[in-house]
Amino acid sequence: KFVEEIDLPKAYSCATLLIFASFYEGFGLPVVEAMKCGCPVICSNNSSLKEVSGNSAVNINPYDVDNIAQAIMKLANDEDLRKVLIEKGKKWSQNFSWEKSTKKLVEIFIQLCK
C-alpha cells in the first residue's frame, strides 16, 4: 500500500523492522529514513545498500529466501539486537542529510569548474 510522505515517519516509528530486500538500488533512501525514525533495518548486501546501511543493519542476500527468513526471525525475536540496531541506526543516519549532500555537490561542481 502507498504511504503518503507525511505519514512515513509514523509508519517507520511504529514498525518492528524494515525489510528492504532490493535487487538493485541507486541509493536506498528508505533505509536511512527508517534508521532516523528508530526502526531496525534488514537490507540487501548488494549495490549501494551495504554502504548506506554501514554496520547498522542486518544485511541479507536478496536472492536467498532462507537467508531473508532467518534474518526476519532473528530480528523479530531478539529484542536486544533490535535495540542495538536502533541506536546504531539513529547514530549512523546522522551522516546523511540534504544539507550535507548539497554542500558536497557544490564542492564537486567547484572542483569540476576549476
PDB file of N, CA and C in Angstrom:
ATOM      1  N   LYS A   1       0.841  -1.174   0.000  1.00  0.00           N
ATOM      2  CA  LYS A   1       0.000   0.000   0.000  1.00  0.00           C
ATOM      3  C   LYS A   1       0.884   1.235   0.000  1.00  0.00           C
ATOM      4  N   PHE A   2       0.478   2.248  -0.744  1.00  0.00           N
ATOM      5  CA  PHE A   2       1.207   3.506  -0.794  1.00  0.00           C
ATOM      6  C   PHE A   2       1.020   4.271   0.518  1.00  0.00           C
ATOM      7  N   VAL A   3       2.113   4.802   1.025  1.00  0.00           N
ATOM      8  CA  VAL A   3       2.075   5.613   2.243  1.00  0.00           C
ATOM      9  C   VAL A   3       2.480   7.028   1.872  1.00  0.00           C
ATOM     10  N   GLU A   4       1.648   7.977   2.215  1.00  0.00           N
ATOM     11  CA  GLU A   4       1.956   9.382   1.944  1.00  0.00           C
ATOM     12  C   GLU A   4       3.247   9.768   2.664  1.00  0.00           C
ATOM     13  N   GLU A   5       4.027  10.643   2.050  1.00  0.00           N
ATOM     14  CA  GLU A   5       5.307  11.057   2.622  1.00  0.00           C
ATOM     15  C   GLU A   5       5.150  11.612   4.037  1.00  0.00           C
ATOM     16  N   ILE A   6       4.096  12.347   4.268  1.00  0.00           N
ATOM     17  CA  ILE A   6       3.881  12.939   5.593  1.00  0.00           C
ATOM     18  C   ILE A   6       3.654  11.866   6.667  1.00  0.00           C
ATOM     19  N   ASP A   7       3.181  10.678   6.250  1.00  0.00           N
ATOM     20  CA  ASP A   7       2.896   9.595   7.195  1.00  0.00           C
ATOM     21  C   ASP A   7       4.073   8.640   7.387  1.00  0.00           C
ATOM     22  N   LEU A   8       5.123   8.769   6.583  1.00  0.00           N
ATOM     23  CA  LEU A   8       6.252   7.843   6.668  1.00  0.00           C
ATOM     24  C   LEU A   8       6.926   7.799   8.036  1.00  0.00           C
ATOM     25  N   PRO A   9       7.235   8.943   8.654  1.00  0.00           N
ATOM     26  CA  PRO A   9       7.890   8.863   9.976  1.00  0.00           C
ATOM     27  C   PRO A   9       7.081   8.060  10.999  1.00  0.00           C
ATOM     28  N   LYS A  10       5.782   8.243  11.010  1.00  0.00           N
ATOM     29  CA  LYS A  10       4.948   7.490  11.951  1.00  0.00           C
ATOM     30  C   LYS A  10       4.964   6.006  11.607  1.00  0.00           C
ATOM     31  N   ALA A  11       4.882   5.688  10.316  1.00  0.00           N
ATOM     32  CA  ALA A  11       4.900   4.279   9.898  1.00  0.00           C
ATOM     33  C   ALA A  11       6.214   3.617  10.296  1.00  0.00           C
ATOM     34  N   TYR A  12       7.332   4.298  10.017  1.00  0.00           N
ATOM     35  CA  TYR A  12       8.639   3.744  10.406  1.00  0.00           C
ATOM     36  C   TYR A  12       8.747   3.602  11.924  1.00  0.00           C
ATOM     37  N   SER A  13       8.283   4.596  12.647  1.00  0.00           N
ATOM     38  CA  SER A  13       8.393   4.589  14.110  1.00  0.00           C
ATOM     39  C   SER A  13       7.563   3.480  14.751  1.00  0.00           C
ATOM     40  N   CYS A  14       6.475   3.102  14.123  1.00  0.00           N
ATOM     41  CA  CYS A  14       5.596   2.057  14.668  1.00  0.00           C
ATOM     42  C   CYS A  14       5.984   0.655  14.209  1.00  0.00           C
ATOM     43  N   ALA A  15       6.849   0.570  13.211  1.00  0.00           N
ATOM     44  CA  ALA A  15       7.198  -0.733  12.642  1.00  0.00           C
ATOM     45  C   ALA A  15       8.175  -1.496  13.543  1.00  0.00           C
ATOM     46  N   THR A  16       8.064  -2.805  13.552  1.00  0.00           N
ATOM     47  CA  THR A  16       9.011  -3.651  14.276  1.00  0.00           C
ATOM     48  C   THR A  16      10.350  -3.659  13.562  1.00  0.00           C
ATOM     49  N   LEU A  17      10.301  -3.650  12.224  1.00  0.00           N
ATOM     50  CA  LEU A  17      11.518  -3.617  11.415  1.00  0.00           C
ATOM     51  C   LEU A  17      11.163  -3.273   9.980  1.00  0.00           C
ATOM     52  N   LEU A  18      12.168  -2.850   9.221  1.00  0.00           N
ATOM     53  CA  LEU A  18      12.016  -2.597   7.786  1.00  0.00           C
ATOM     54  C   LEU A  18      12.800  -3.671   7.052  1.00  0.00           C
ATOM     55  N   ILE A  19      12.144  -4.318   6.094  1.00  0.00           N
ATOM     56  CA  ILE A  19      12.827  -5.277   5.230  1.00  0.00           C
ATOM     57  C   ILE A  19      12.948  -4.624   3.866  1.00  0.00           C
ATOM     58  N   PHE A  20      14.172  -4.414   3.429  1.00  0.00           N
ATOM     59  CA  PHE A  20      14.436  -3.765   2.145  1.00  0.00           C
ATOM     60  C   PHE A  20      15.298  -4.718   1.322  1.00  0.00           C
ATOM     61  N   ALA A  21      14.644  -5.767   0.811  1.00  0.00           N
ATOM     62  CA  ALA A  21      15.336  -6.823   0.070  1.00  0.00           C
ATOM     63  C   ALA A  21      15.335  -6.492  -1.420  1.00  0.00           C
ATOM     64  N   SER A  22      16.054  -5.474  -1.753  1.00  0.00           N
ATOM     65  CA  SER A  22      16.094  -4.969  -3.126  1.00  0.00           C
ATOM     66  C   SER A  22      17.205  -5.664  -3.917  1.00  0.00           C
ATOM     67  N   PHE A  23      16.955  -5.870  -5.201  1.00  0.00           N
ATOM     68  CA  PHE A  23      17.967  -6.457  -6.070  1.00  0.00           C
ATOM     69  C   PHE A  23      18.964  -5.408  -6.548  1.00  0.00           C
ATOM     70  N   TYR A  24      18.522  -4.147  -6.643  1.00  0.00           N
ATOM     71  CA  TYR A  24      19.411  -3.070  -7.058  1.00  0.00           C
ATOM     72  C   TYR A  24      18.856  -1.756  -6.550  1.00  0.00           C
ATOM     73  N   GLU A  25      19.723  -0.908  -6.045  1.00  0.00           N
ATOM     74  CA  GLU A  25      19.323   0.418  -5.575  1.00  0.00           C
ATOM     75  C   GLU A  25      20.360   1.446  -5.989  1.00  0.00           C
ATOM     76  N   GLY A  26      19.875   2.608  -6.363  1.00  0.00           N
ATOM     77  CA  GLY A  26      20.784   3.704  -6.643  1.00  0.00           C
ATOM     78  C   GLY A  26      21.325   4.297  -5.351  1.00  0.00           C
ATOM     79  N   PHE A  27      20.481   4.409  -4.344  1.00  0.00           N
ATOM     80  CA  PHE A  27      20.935   4.911  -3.040  1.00  0.00           C
ATOM     81  C   PHE A  27      20.322   4.118  -1.892  1.00  0.00           C
ATOM     82  N   GLY A  28      19.028   4.089  -1.773  1.00  0.00           N
ATOM     83  CA  GLY A  28      18.398   3.364  -0.670  1.00  0.00           C
ATOM     84  C   GLY A  28      17.874   4.280   0.416  1.00  0.00           C
ATOM     85  N   LEU A  29      17.224   5.341   0.022  1.00  0.00           N
ATOM     86  CA  LEU A  29      16.705   6.327   0.961  1.00  0.00           C
ATOM     87  C   LEU A  29      15.823   5.723   2.058  1.00  0.00           C
ATOM     88  N   PRO A  30      14.950   4.745   1.770  1.00  0.00           N
ATOM     89  CA  PRO A  30      14.127   4.181   2.849  1.00  0.00           C
ATOM     90  C   PRO A  30      14.942   3.602   4.008  1.00  0.00           C
ATOM     91  N   VAL A  31      16.124   3.100   3.728  1.00  0.00           N
ATOM     92  CA  VAL A  31      16.982   2.566   4.793  1.00  0.00           C
ATOM     93  C   VAL A  31      17.361   3.679   5.768  1.00  0.00           C
ATOM     94  N   VAL A  32      17.788   4.812   5.251  1.00  0.00           N
ATOM     95  CA  VAL A  32      18.177   5.948   6.099  1.00  0.00           C
ATOM     96  C   VAL A  32      16.958   6.525   6.803  1.00  0.00           C
ATOM     97  N   GLU A  33      15.845   6.638   6.091  1.00  0.00           N
ATOM     98  CA  GLU A  33      14.614   7.157   6.701  1.00  0.00           C
ATOM     99  C   GLU A  33      14.200   6.297   7.891  1.00  0.00           C
ATOM    100  N   ALA A  34      14.212   4.996   7.703  1.00  0.00           N
ATOM    101  CA  ALA A  34      13.816   4.094   8.789  1.00  0.00           C
ATOM    102  C   ALA A  34      14.754   4.247   9.983  1.00  0.00           C
ATOM    103  N   MET A  35      16.055   4.279   9.714  1.00  0.00           N
ATOM    104  CA  MET A  35      17.026   4.418  10.805  1.00  0.00           C
ATOM    105  C   MET A  35      16.807   5.713  11.575  1.00  0.00           C
ATOM    106  N   LYS A  36      16.567   6.799  10.866  1.00  0.00           N
ATOM    107  CA  LYS A  36      16.325   8.088  11.531  1.00  0.00           C
ATOM    108  C   LYS A  36      15.121   8.020  12.466  1.00  0.00           C
ATOM    109  N   CYS A  37      14.149   7.178  12.115  1.00  0.00           N
ATOM    110  CA  CYS A  37      12.921   7.053  12.904  1.00  0.00           C
ATOM    111  C   CYS A  37      13.000   5.965  13.974  1.00  0.00           C
ATOM    112  N   GLY A  38      14.158   5.337  14.118  1.00  0.00           N
ATOM    113  CA  GLY A  38      14.316   4.320  15.144  1.00  0.00           C
ATOM    114  C   GLY A  38      13.760   2.960  14.766  1.00  0.00           C
ATOM    115  N   CYS A  39      13.744   2.675  13.483  1.00  0.00           N
ATOM    116  CA  CYS A  39      13.265   1.388  13.000  1.00  0.00           C
ATOM    117  C   CYS A  39      14.457   0.538  12.583  1.00  0.00           C
ATOM    118  N   PRO A  40      14.634  -0.642  13.185  1.00  0.00           N
ATOM    119  CA  PRO A  40      15.745  -1.505  12.778  1.00  0.00           C
ATOM    120  C   PRO A  40      15.540  -2.003  11.344  1.00  0.00           C
ATOM    121  N   VAL A  41      16.654  -2.221  10.646  1.00  0.00           N
ATOM    122  CA  VAL A  41      16.607  -2.491   9.210  1.00  0.00           C
ATOM    123  C   VAL A  41      17.264  -3.825   8.852  1.00  0.00           C
ATOM    124  N   ILE A  42      16.599  -4.531   7.954  1.00  0.00           N
ATOM    125  CA  ILE A  42      17.182  -5.659   7.235  1.00  0.00           C
ATOM    126  C   ILE A  42      17.244  -5.208   5.790  1.00  0.00           C
ATOM    127  N   CYS A  43      18.442  -5.235   5.192  1.00  0.00           N
ATOM    128  CA  CYS A  43      18.530  -4.807   3.800  1.00  0.00           C
ATOM    129  C   CYS A  43      19.530  -5.645   3.021  1.00  0.00           C
ATOM    130  N   SER A  44      19.423  -5.553   1.731  1.00  0.00           N
ATOM    131  CA  SER A  44      20.282  -6.321   0.829  1.00  0.00           C
ATOM    132  C   SER A  44      21.746  -5.960   1.030  1.00  0.00           C
ATOM    133  N   ASN A  45      22.583  -6.928   0.714  1.00  0.00           N
ATOM    134  CA  ASN A  45      24.029  -6.735   0.838  1.00  0.00           C
ATOM    135  C   ASN A  45      24.656  -6.362  -0.509  1.00  0.00           C
ATOM    136  N   ASN A  46      23.846  -5.829  -1.404  1.00  0.00           N
ATOM    137  CA  ASN A  46      24.326  -5.510  -2.745  1.00  0.00           C
ATOM    138  C   ASN A  46      24.212  -4.021  -3.050  1.00  0.00           C
ATOM    139  N   SER A  47      24.610  -3.652  -4.219  1.00  0.00           N
ATOM    140  CA  SER A  47      24.586  -2.269  -4.718  1.00  0.00           C
ATOM    141  C   SER A  47      25.006  -1.292  -3.622  1.00  0.00           C
ATOM    142  N   SER A  48      24.300  -0.213  -3.485  1.00  0.00           N
ATOM    143  CA  SER A  48      24.687   0.817  -2.515  1.00  0.00           C
ATOM    144  C   SER A  48      24.230   0.508  -1.099  1.00  0.00           C
ATOM    145  N   LEU A  49      23.360  -0.460  -0.938  1.00  0.00           N
ATOM    146  CA  LEU A  49      22.714  -0.668   0.359  1.00  0.00           C
ATOM    147  C   LEU A  49      23.668  -1.058   1.475  1.00  0.00           C
ATOM    148  N   LYS A  50      24.660  -1.845   1.175  1.00  0.00           N
ATOM    149  CA  LYS A  50      25.621  -2.224   2.214  1.00  0.00           C
ATOM    150  C   LYS A  50      26.373  -0.993   2.713  1.00  0.00           C
ATOM    151  N   GLU A  51      26.734  -0.112   1.787  1.00  0.00           N
ATOM    152  CA  GLU A  51      27.432   1.120   2.161  1.00  0.00           C
ATOM    153  C   GLU A  51      26.495   2.079   2.893  1.00  0.00           C
ATOM    154  N   VAL A  52      25.270   2.199   2.407  1.00  0.00           N
ATOM    155  CA  VAL A  52      24.296   3.111   3.021  1.00  0.00           C
ATOM    156  C   VAL A  52      23.951   2.669   4.437  1.00  0.00           C
ATOM    157  N   SER A  53      23.846   1.367   4.654  1.00  0.00           N
ATOM    158  CA  SER A  53      23.448   0.872   5.972  1.00  0.00           C
ATOM    159  C   SER A  53      24.618   0.750   6.941  1.00  0.00           C
ATOM    160  N   GLY A  54      25.848   0.781   6.426  1.00  0.00           N
ATOM    161  CA  GLY A  54      27.012   0.657   7.300  1.00  0.00           C
ATOM    162  C   GLY A  54      26.942  -0.639   8.079  1.00  0.00           C
ATOM    163  N   ASN A  55      27.285  -0.569   9.346  1.00  0.00           N
ATOM    164  CA  ASN A  55      27.163  -1.759  10.202  1.00  0.00           C
ATOM    165  C   ASN A  55      25.942  -1.615  11.119  1.00  0.00           C
ATOM    166  N   SER A  56      24.944  -0.880  10.622  1.00  0.00           N
ATOM    167  CA  SER A  56      23.772  -0.564  11.433  1.00  0.00           C
ATOM    168  C   SER A  56      22.513  -1.293  10.990  1.00  0.00           C
ATOM    169  N   ALA A  57      22.696  -2.349  10.186  1.00  0.00           N
ATOM    170  CA  ALA A  57      21.565  -3.136   9.706  1.00  0.00           C
ATOM    171  C   ALA A  57      21.988  -4.595   9.591  1.00  0.00           C
ATOM    172  N   VAL A  58      21.005  -5.457   9.480  1.00  0.00           N
ATOM    173  CA  VAL A  58      21.266  -6.852   9.157  1.00  0.00           C
ATOM    174  C   VAL A  58      21.258  -6.940   7.638  1.00  0.00           C
ATOM    175  N   ASN A  59      22.359  -7.354   7.050  1.00  0.00           N
ATOM    176  CA  ASN A  59      22.451  -7.452   5.594  1.00  0.00           C
ATOM    177  C   ASN A  59      22.127  -8.867   5.141  1.00  0.00           C
ATOM    178  N   ILE A  60      21.339  -8.956   4.073  1.00  0.00           N
ATOM    179  CA  ILE A  60      20.903 -10.260   3.548  1.00  0.00           C
ATOM    180  C   ILE A  60      21.181 -10.339   2.053  1.00  0.00           C
ATOM    181  N   ASN A  61      21.193 -11.563   1.549  1.00  0.00           N
ATOM    182  CA  ASN A  61      21.280 -11.818   0.119  1.00  0.00           C
ATOM    183  C   ASN A  61      19.847 -11.797  -0.414  1.00  0.00           C
ATOM    184  N   PRO A  62      19.491 -10.840  -1.265  1.00  0.00           N
ATOM    185  CA  PRO A  62      18.096 -10.736  -1.706  1.00  0.00           C
ATOM    186  C   PRO A  62      17.634 -11.899  -2.578  1.00  0.00           C
ATOM    187  N   TYR A  63      18.565 -12.711  -3.050  1.00  0.00           N
ATOM    188  CA  TYR A  63      18.223 -13.864  -3.872  1.00  0.00           C
ATOM    189  C   TYR A  63      18.049 -15.138  -3.036  1.00  0.00           C
ATOM    190  N   ASP A  64      18.294 -15.062  -1.743  1.00  0.00           N
ATOM    191  CA  ASP A  64      18.271 -16.233  -0.867  1.00  0.00           C
ATOM    192  C   ASP A  64      17.103 -16.119   0.121  1.00  0.00           C
ATOM    193  N   VAL A  65      16.002 -16.784  -0.206  1.00  0.00           N
ATOM    194  CA  VAL A  65      14.788 -16.689   0.615  1.00  0.00           C
ATOM    195  C   VAL A  65      15.036 -17.187   2.033  1.00  0.00           C
ATOM    196  N   ASP A  66      15.815 -18.232   2.183  1.00  0.00           N
ATOM    197  CA  ASP A  66      16.107 -18.758   3.522  1.00  0.00           C
ATOM    198  C   ASP A  66      16.898 -17.744   4.350  1.00  0.00           C
ATOM    199  N   ASN A  67      17.854 -17.068   3.720  1.00  0.00           N
ATOM    200  CA  ASN A  67      18.646 -16.037   4.394  1.00  0.00           C
ATOM    201  C   ASN A  67      17.752 -14.895   4.858  1.00  0.00           C
ATOM    202  N   ILE A  68      16.818 -14.503   4.005  1.00  0.00           N
ATOM    203  CA  ILE A  68      15.873 -13.426   4.353  1.00  0.00           C
ATOM    204  C   ILE A  68      14.997 -13.864   5.529  1.00  0.00           C
ATOM    205  N   ALA A  69      14.459 -15.077   5.448  1.00  0.00           N
ATOM    206  CA  ALA A  69      13.585 -15.588   6.516  1.00  0.00           C
ATOM    207  C   ALA A  69      14.329 -15.679   7.845  1.00  0.00           C
ATOM    208  N   GLN A  70      15.569 -16.169   7.809  1.00  0.00           N
ATOM    209  CA  GLN A  70      16.365 -16.272   9.034  1.00  0.00           C
ATOM    210  C   GLN A  70      16.612 -14.899   9.653  1.00  0.00           C
ATOM    211  N   ALA A  71      16.904 -13.909   8.802  1.00  0.00           N
ATOM    212  CA  ALA A  71      17.146 -12.552   9.307  1.00  0.00           C
ATOM    213  C   ALA A  71      15.884 -11.975   9.938  1.00  0.00           C
ATOM    214  N   ILE A  72      14.752 -12.191   9.303  1.00  0.00           N
ATOM    215  CA  ILE A  72      13.483 -11.695   9.843  1.00  0.00           C
ATOM    216  C   ILE A  72      13.200 -12.340  11.204  1.00  0.00           C
ATOM    217  N   MET A  73      13.331 -13.645  11.276  1.00  0.00           N
ATOM    218  CA  MET A  73      13.062 -14.350  12.540  1.00  0.00           C
ATOM    219  C   MET A  73      14.028 -13.902  13.631  1.00  0.00           C
ATOM    220  N   LYS A  74      15.292 -13.765  13.277  1.00  0.00           N
ATOM    221  CA  LYS A  74      16.289 -13.339  14.263  1.00  0.00           C
ATOM    222  C   LYS A  74      15.955 -11.961  14.808  1.00  0.00           C
ATOM    223  N   LEU A  75      15.703 -11.019  13.923  1.00  0.00           N
ATOM    224  CA  LEU A  75      15.450  -9.647  14.373  1.00  0.00           C
ATOM    225  C   LEU A  75      14.094  -9.518  15.065  1.00  0.00           C
ATOM    226  N   ALA A  76      13.105 -10.233  14.590  1.00  0.00           N
ATOM    227  CA  ALA A  76      11.775 -10.171  15.210  1.00  0.00           C
ATOM    228  C   ALA A  76      11.780 -10.744  16.621  1.00  0.00           C
ATOM    229  N   ASN A  77      12.660 -11.715  16.867  1.00  0.00           N
ATOM    230  CA  ASN A  77      12.664 -12.400  18.164  1.00  0.00           C
ATOM    231  C   ASN A  77      13.775 -11.965  19.112  1.00  0.00           C
ATOM    232  N   ASP A  78      14.660 -11.107  18.680  1.00  0.00           N
ATOM    233  CA  ASP A  78      15.799 -10.698  19.506  1.00  0.00           C
ATOM    234  C   ASP A  78      15.687  -9.202  19.827  1.00  0.00           C
ATOM    235  N   GLU A  79      15.038  -8.927  20.944  1.00  0.00           N
ATOM    236  CA  GLU A  79      14.804  -7.529  21.333  1.00  0.00           C
ATOM    237  C   GLU A  79      16.114  -6.783  21.582  1.00  0.00           C
ATOM    238  N   ASP A  80      17.113  -7.464  22.138  1.00  0.00           N
ATOM    239  CA  ASP A  80      18.404  -6.821  22.380  1.00  0.00           C
ATOM    240  C   ASP A  80      19.058  -6.393  21.061  1.00  0.00           C
ATOM    241  N   LEU A  81      19.007  -7.260  20.060  1.00  0.00           N
ATOM    242  CA  LEU A  81      19.567  -6.916  18.754  1.00  0.00           C
ATOM    243  C   LEU A  81      18.813  -5.746  18.140  1.00  0.00           C
ATOM    244  N   ARG A  82      17.487  -5.739  18.257  1.00  0.00           N
ATOM    245  CA  ARG A  82      16.707  -4.604  17.732  1.00  0.00           C
ATOM    246  C   ARG A  82      17.137  -3.307  18.404  1.00  0.00           C
ATOM    247  N   LYS A  83      17.310  -3.343  19.713  1.00  0.00           N
ATOM    248  CA  LYS A  83      17.722  -2.136  20.444  1.00  0.00           C
ATOM    249  C   LYS A  83      19.098  -1.656  19.983  1.00  0.00           C
ATOM    250  N   VAL A  84      20.017  -2.586  19.796  1.00  0.00           N
ATOM    251  CA  VAL A  84      21.361  -2.230  19.318  1.00  0.00           C
ATOM    252  C   VAL A  84      21.271  -1.591  17.939  1.00  0.00           C
ATOM    253  N   LEU A  85      20.493  -2.206  17.042  1.00  0.00           N
ATOM    254  CA  LEU A  85      20.382  -1.658  15.685  1.00  0.00           C
ATOM    255  C   LEU A  85      19.660  -0.320  15.659  1.00  0.00           C
ATOM    256  N   ILE A  86      18.702  -0.140  16.549  1.00  0.00           N
ATOM    257  CA  ILE A  86      18.011   1.150  16.629  1.00  0.00           C
ATOM    258  C   ILE A  86      19.008   2.248  16.995  1.00  0.00           C
ATOM    259  N   GLU A  87      19.798   2.011  18.023  1.00  0.00           N
ATOM    260  CA  GLU A  87      20.786   3.019  18.444  1.00  0.00           C
ATOM    261  C   GLU A  87      21.847   3.254  17.372  1.00  0.00           C
ATOM    262  N   LYS A  88      22.374   2.175  16.804  1.00  0.00           N
ATOM    263  CA  LYS A  88      23.371   2.319  15.743  1.00  0.00           C
ATOM    264  C   LYS A  88      22.780   3.047  14.542  1.00  0.00           C
ATOM    265  N   GLY A  89      21.544   2.678  14.191  1.00  0.00           N
ATOM    266  CA  GLY A  89      20.892   3.299  13.039  1.00  0.00           C
ATOM    267  C   GLY A  89      20.654   4.787  13.225  1.00  0.00           C
ATOM    268  N   LYS A  90      20.212   5.170  14.418  1.00  0.00           N
ATOM    269  CA  LYS A  90      19.994   6.595  14.695  1.00  0.00           C
ATOM    270  C   LYS A  90      21.301   7.371  14.560  1.00  0.00           C
ATOM    271  N   LYS A  91      22.361   6.807  15.117  1.00  0.00           N
ATOM    272  CA  LYS A  91      23.663   7.472  15.048  1.00  0.00           C
ATOM    273  C   LYS A  91      24.172   7.512  13.600  1.00  0.00           C
ATOM    274  N   TRP A  92      24.113   6.377  12.906  1.00  0.00           N
ATOM    275  CA  TRP A  92      24.616   6.284  11.533  1.00  0.00           C
ATOM    276  C   TRP A  92      23.846   7.224  10.597  1.00  0.00           C
ATOM    277  N   SER A  93      22.544   7.305  10.773  1.00  0.00           N
ATOM    278  CA  SER A  93      21.713   8.115   9.874  1.00  0.00           C
ATOM    279  C   SER A  93      22.032   9.604   9.964  1.00  0.00           C
ATOM    280  N   GLN A  94      22.706  10.014  11.020  1.00  0.00           N
ATOM    281  CA  GLN A  94      23.107  11.413  11.136  1.00  0.00           C
ATOM    282  C   GLN A  94      24.151  11.796  10.089  1.00  0.00           C
ATOM    283  N   ASN A  95      24.772  10.797   9.466  1.00  0.00           N
ATOM    284  CA  ASN A  95      25.749  11.065   8.406  1.00  0.00           C
ATOM    285  C   ASN A  95      25.081  11.521   7.115  1.00  0.00           C
ATOM    286  N   PHE A  96      23.758  11.393   7.043  1.00  0.00           N
ATOM    287  CA  PHE A  96      23.038  11.695   5.814  1.00  0.00           C
ATOM    288  C   PHE A  96      22.037  12.830   6.038  1.00  0.00           C
ATOM    289  N   SER A  97      22.142  13.850   5.210  1.00  0.00           N
ATOM    290  CA  SER A  97      21.161  14.935   5.236  1.00  0.00           C
ATOM    291  C   SER A  97      21.191  15.629   3.880  1.00  0.00           C
ATOM    292  N   TRP A  98      20.106  16.278   3.545  1.00  0.00           N
ATOM    293  CA  TRP A  98      20.064  17.020   2.282  1.00  0.00           C
ATOM    294  C   TRP A  98      21.073  18.155   2.312  1.00  0.00           C
ATOM    295  N   GLU A  99      21.268  18.753   3.484  1.00  0.00           N
ATOM    296  CA  GLU A  99      22.233  19.851   3.607  1.00  0.00           C
ATOM    297  C   GLU A  99      23.651  19.353   3.301  1.00  0.00           C
ATOM    298  N   LYS A 100      24.039  18.222   3.880  1.00  0.00           N
ATOM    299  CA  LYS A 100      25.371  17.662   3.619  1.00  0.00           C
ATOM    300  C   LYS A 100      25.517  17.291   2.144  1.00  0.00           C
ATOM    301  N   SER A 101      24.467  16.711   1.574  1.00  0.00           N
ATOM    302  CA  SER A 101      24.515  16.324   0.162  1.00  0.00           C
ATOM    303  C   SER A 101      24.690  17.543  -0.736  1.00  0.00           C
ATOM    304  N   THR A 102      23.966  18.601  -0.422  1.00  0.00           N
ATOM    305  CA  THR A 102      24.055  19.824  -1.223  1.00  0.00           C
ATOM    306  C   THR A 102      25.455  20.423  -1.140  1.00  0.00           C
ATOM    307  N   LYS A 103      25.999  20.503   0.067  1.00  0.00           N
ATOM    308  CA  LYS A 103      27.353  21.051   0.236  1.00  0.00           C
ATOM    309  C   LYS A 103      28.374  20.231  -0.541  1.00  0.00           C
ATOM    310  N   LYS A 104      28.254  18.912  -0.484  1.00  0.00           N
ATOM    311  CA  LYS A 104      29.190  18.040  -1.187  1.00  0.00           C
ATOM    312  C   LYS A 104      29.071  18.230  -2.705  1.00  0.00           C
ATOM    313  N   LEU A 105      27.843  18.347  -3.207  1.00  0.00           N
ATOM    314  CA  LEU A 105      27.653  18.581  -4.636  1.00  0.00           C
ATOM    315  C   LEU A 105      28.263  19.907  -5.074  1.00  0.00           C
ATOM    316  N   VAL A 106      28.086  20.944  -4.271  1.00  0.00           N
ATOM    317  CA  VAL A 106      28.670  22.250  -4.595  1.00  0.00           C
ATOM    318  C   VAL A 106      30.191  22.145  -4.642  1.00  0.00           C
ATOM    319  N   GLU A 107      30.778  21.426  -3.673  1.00  0.00           N
ATOM    320  CA  GLU A 107      32.235  21.223  -3.678  1.00  0.00           C
ATOM    321  C   GLU A 107      32.686  20.522  -4.964  1.00  0.00           C
ATOM    322  N   ILE A 108      31.951  19.518  -5.369  1.00  0.00           N
ATOM    323  CA  ILE A 108      32.301  18.782  -6.595  1.00  0.00           C
ATOM    324  C   ILE A 108      32.184  19.693  -7.816  1.00  0.00           C
ATOM    325  N   PHE A 109      31.108  20.459  -7.896  1.00  0.00           N
ATOM    326  CA  PHE A 109      30.943  21.366  -9.026  1.00  0.00           C
ATOM    327  C   PHE A 109      32.056  22.410  -9.095  1.00  0.00           C
ATOM    328  N   ILE A 110      32.428  22.922  -7.942  1.00  0.00           N
ATOM    329  CA  ILE A 110      33.521  23.911  -7.907  1.00  0.00           C
ATOM    330  C   ILE A 110      34.814  23.284  -8.416  1.00  0.00           C
ATOM    331  N   GLN A 111      35.110  22.060  -7.990  1.00  0.00           N
ATOM    332  CA  GLN A 111      36.311  21.369  -8.457  1.00  0.00           C
ATOM    333  C   GLN A 111      36.258  21.108  -9.960  1.00  0.00           C
ATOM    334  N   LEU A 112      35.096  20.745 -10.461  1.00  0.00           N
ATOM    335  CA  LEU A 112      34.946  20.459 -11.890  1.00  0.00           C
ATOM    336  C   LEU A 112      35.112  21.712 -12.755  1.00  0.00           C
ATOM    337  N   CYS A 113      34.764  22.856 -12.181  1.00  0.00           N
ATOM    338  CA  CYS A 113      34.811  24.109 -12.945  1.00  0.00           C
ATOM    339  C   CYS A 113      36.173  24.789 -12.890  1.00  0.00           C
ATOM    340  N   LYS A 114      37.081  24.266 -12.108  1.00  0.00           N
ATOM    341  CA  LYS A 114      38.412  24.871 -11.997  1.00  0.00           C
ATOM    342  C   LYS A 114      39.234  24.560 -13.204  1.00  0.00           C
TER     343      LYS A 114
END
